[in-house]
Amino acid sequence: MKKRILSLASLSLFLSLSFTSCGDDDKKEEVIETDPITFTKEGELYMIKASGDTLKKLDIELAESDYEHQTGLMYRESMEDDQGMLFVYDDARVRSFYMKNTYIPLDIIYYAADSTLVSIQKNATPRDETSLPSEGPTKFVLEINGGLSDAWGVEQGDKISFKKLD
């Protein structure tokens, strides 16, 4: 009888040690390091006043594919004031952006097929998933650092002109 009790006690101790060693408490959280996403100049854009005067020249990244349209400036930690991202679409229609996984405030400027400013969503809040629609059909959307459209005096009637680098 003593052997049986000793065997049961040993089995019980073995099982309790086995189960506690497999618990989630022993797992170490794995941190995956990634390189920061950096700006890649793919073109130049001129912001032009309705009068025809050049307002600003920007270096731009282009978002032309579905993947680039969906990703945009997500996961970026900063952007220089003379940089922006230009989204180019095949057609003009009402567009809506949001700031999911976007870490910096942005001005989102919507332009029609003829490159005339349609509307601006100013100082979009980082990581906010609220829909930020254009006020009319747009074919081009320019994202710049938040607050710059006011600082530069961007307004209705202004246009853009851009070229891709070779």
Protein backbone atom coordinates (compact mmCIF):
# COMPACT_ATOMS: atom_id res chain seq x y z
CA MET A 1 0.00 0.00 0.00
CA LYS A 2 2.90 2.38 0.81
CA LYS A 3 4.35 1.76 -2.67
CA ARG A 4 1.01 2.59 -4.27
CA ILE A 5 0.66 5.86 -2.30
CA LEU A 6 4.27 6.75 -3.05
CA SER A 7 3.71 6.01 -6.75
CA LEU A 8 0.56 8.15 -6.84
CA ALA A 9 2.35 10.98 -5.05
CA SER A 10 5.27 10.77 -7.48
CA LEU A 11 2.89 10.72 -10.47
CA SER A 12 0.98 13.71 -9.07
CA LEU A 13 4.21 15.69 -8.56
CA PHE A 14 5.41 14.79 -12.08
CA LEU A 15 2.11 15.88 -13.65
CA SER A 16 2.00 19.15 -11.73
CA LEU A 17 5.58 20.00 -12.76
CA SER A 18 4.84 19.06 -16.37
CA PHE A 19 1.78 21.29 -16.59
CA THR A 20 3.32 24.29 -14.88
CA SER A 21 6.35 24.23 -17.14
CA CYS A 22 4.10 24.52 -20.23
CA GLY A 23 2.23 27.60 -19.01
CA ASP A 24 2.09 30.92 -20.88
CA ASP A 25 4.01 32.57 -18.07
CA ASP A 26 7.22 31.01 -19.33
CA LYS A 27 6.83 32.34 -22.89
CA LYS A 28 9.02 35.29 -23.71
CA GLU A 29 7.49 37.97 -25.90
CA GLU A 30 9.37 38.12 -29.17
CA VAL A 31 10.07 41.62 -30.43
CA ILE A 32 10.52 41.92 -34.17
CA GLU A 33 12.73 44.81 -35.17
CA THR A 34 11.98 46.44 -38.52
CA ASP A 35 13.76 49.19 -40.38
CA PRO A 36 11.92 52.52 -40.45
CA ILE A 37 10.18 53.32 -43.73
CA THR A 38 12.06 56.14 -45.41
CA PHE A 39 11.10 58.62 -48.11
CA THR A 40 11.93 57.71 -51.70
CA LYS A 41 11.77 60.59 -54.16
CA GLU A 42 9.83 59.44 -57.23
CA GLY A 43 8.83 62.79 -58.66
CA GLU A 44 8.44 66.53 -58.22
CA LEU A 45 5.21 68.43 -57.69
CA TYR A 46 4.46 72.13 -58.02
CA MET A 47 1.63 73.68 -56.07
CA ILE A 48 0.34 76.53 -58.20
CA LYS A 49 -1.87 79.46 -57.16
CA ALA A 50 -4.97 80.24 -59.25
CA SER A 51 -3.03 83.30 -60.50
CA GLY A 52 -0.41 80.97 -62.01
CA ASP A 53 2.35 81.72 -59.49
CA THR A 54 4.23 78.76 -58.03
CA LEU A 55 3.35 78.35 -54.38
CA LYS A 56 5.63 75.43 -53.43
CA LYS A 57 7.82 72.75 -55.00
CA LEU A 58 7.73 69.36 -53.30
CA ASP A 59 9.60 66.11 -53.69
CA ILE A 60 6.98 63.38 -53.85
CA GLU A 61 6.51 59.68 -53.49
CA LEU A 62 3.84 58.27 -55.76
CA ALA A 63 1.04 55.93 -54.73
CA GLU A 64 -0.26 54.38 -57.94
CA SER A 65 -1.02 50.71 -57.23
CA ASP A 66 -3.85 49.38 -55.06
CA TYR A 67 -1.32 48.34 -52.41
CA GLU A 68 0.29 51.81 -52.40
CA HIS A 69 -3.17 53.44 -52.23
CA GLN A 70 -4.07 51.32 -49.20
CA THR A 71 -0.74 51.78 -47.40
CA GLY A 72 0.06 55.42 -48.14
CA LEU A 73 2.08 57.02 -45.36
CA MET A 74 1.23 54.39 -42.75
CA TYR A 75 3.98 53.52 -40.28
CA ARG A 76 6.03 56.63 -41.13
CA GLU A 77 7.45 58.43 -38.13
CA SER A 78 8.15 61.72 -39.89
CA MET A 79 8.20 63.57 -43.19
CA GLU A 80 10.07 66.70 -44.20
CA ASP A 81 8.05 69.84 -44.99
CA ASP A 82 9.25 69.81 -48.62
CA GLN A 83 7.99 66.24 -49.13
CA GLY A 84 4.61 64.68 -49.79
CA MET A 85 2.84 61.65 -51.16
CA LEU A 86 0.72 61.96 -54.29
CA PHE A 87 -2.00 59.36 -54.85
CA VAL A 88 -2.79 58.96 -58.55
CA TYR A 89 -5.99 57.20 -59.62
CA ASP A 90 -7.32 56.05 -62.99
CA ASP A 91 -10.63 57.85 -62.59
CA ALA A 92 -12.17 60.80 -60.79
CA ARG A 93 -14.69 60.06 -58.03
CA VAL A 94 -15.36 60.98 -54.43
CA ARG A 95 -12.49 59.56 -52.36
CA SER A 96 -12.24 58.97 -48.64
CA PHE A 97 -9.09 58.53 -46.57
CA TYR A 98 -8.49 57.64 -42.93
CA MET A 99 -5.47 57.72 -40.63
CA LYS A 100 -5.24 54.11 -39.43
CA ASN A 101 -1.59 53.28 -38.61
CA THR A 102 -0.52 56.78 -39.68
CA TYR A 103 1.67 58.29 -36.97
CA ILE A 104 1.95 61.91 -38.14
CA PRO A 105 -0.80 64.54 -38.61
CA LEU A 106 -1.50 65.23 -42.27
CA ASP A 107 -3.28 67.69 -44.51
CA ILE A 108 -5.07 65.64 -47.17
CA ILE A 109 -5.65 67.72 -50.30
CA TYR A 110 -8.06 66.43 -52.96
CA TYR A 111 -7.67 67.49 -56.61
CA ALA A 112 -9.97 67.00 -59.61
CA ALA A 113 -8.98 65.38 -62.92
CA ASP A 114 -7.91 68.83 -64.22
CA SER A 115 -5.64 69.21 -61.12
CA THR A 116 -7.84 71.89 -59.50
CA LEU A 117 -8.21 71.74 -55.72
CA VAL A 118 -11.53 70.18 -54.67
CA SER A 119 -11.22 70.18 -50.87
CA ILE A 120 -8.81 69.82 -47.95
CA GLN A 121 -9.00 67.72 -44.79
CA LYS A 122 -6.73 69.68 -42.45
CA ASN A 123 -4.64 68.29 -39.59
CA ALA A 124 -6.01 64.75 -39.79
CA THR A 125 -5.53 63.07 -36.42
CA PRO A 126 -2.93 60.28 -36.31
CA ARG A 127 -4.34 56.74 -35.93
CA ASP A 128 -7.94 57.95 -36.24
CA GLU A 129 -10.15 55.72 -38.38
CA THR A 130 -12.78 58.38 -39.05
CA SER A 131 -13.60 58.69 -42.76
CA LEU A 132 -12.21 61.90 -44.33
CA PRO A 133 -14.02 62.28 -47.68
CA SER A 134 -13.44 64.69 -50.53
CA GLU A 135 -16.17 67.21 -51.30
CA GLY A 136 -16.33 66.16 -54.95
CA PRO A 137 -14.80 63.87 -57.56
CA THR A 138 -11.00 63.63 -57.29
CA LYS A 139 -8.30 61.95 -59.33
CA PHE A 140 -5.29 63.10 -57.29
CA VAL A 141 -4.76 63.29 -53.54
CA LEU A 142 -1.74 64.98 -51.97
CA GLU A 143 -0.71 64.28 -48.38
CA ILE A 144 1.58 66.79 -46.66
CA ASN A 145 2.44 67.49 -43.04
CA GLY A 146 -0.49 68.75 -41.00
CA GLY A 147 -0.87 72.53 -40.89
CA LEU A 148 1.17 73.27 -44.01
CA SER A 149 -1.83 73.98 -46.26
CA ASP A 150 -2.77 76.89 -43.96
CA ALA A 151 0.83 78.03 -43.52
CA TRP A 152 1.31 78.08 -47.30
CA GLY A 153 -2.08 79.67 -48.06
CA VAL A 154 -3.43 76.77 -50.13
CA GLU A 155 -7.00 77.52 -51.26
CA GLN A 156 -9.79 76.77 -53.72
CA GLY A 157 -8.77 77.39 -57.32
CA ASP A 158 -5.16 76.32 -56.73
CA LYS A 159 -3.74 73.55 -58.90
CA ILE A 160 -0.90 71.06 -59.00
CA SER A 161 1.51 70.00 -61.70
CA PHE A 162 3.81 67.00 -61.28
CA LYS A 163 6.31 64.89 -63.12
CA LYS A 164 7.74 61.45 -62.44
CA LEU A 165 11.46 60.96 -62.32
CA ASP A 166 12.91 58.80 -65.08
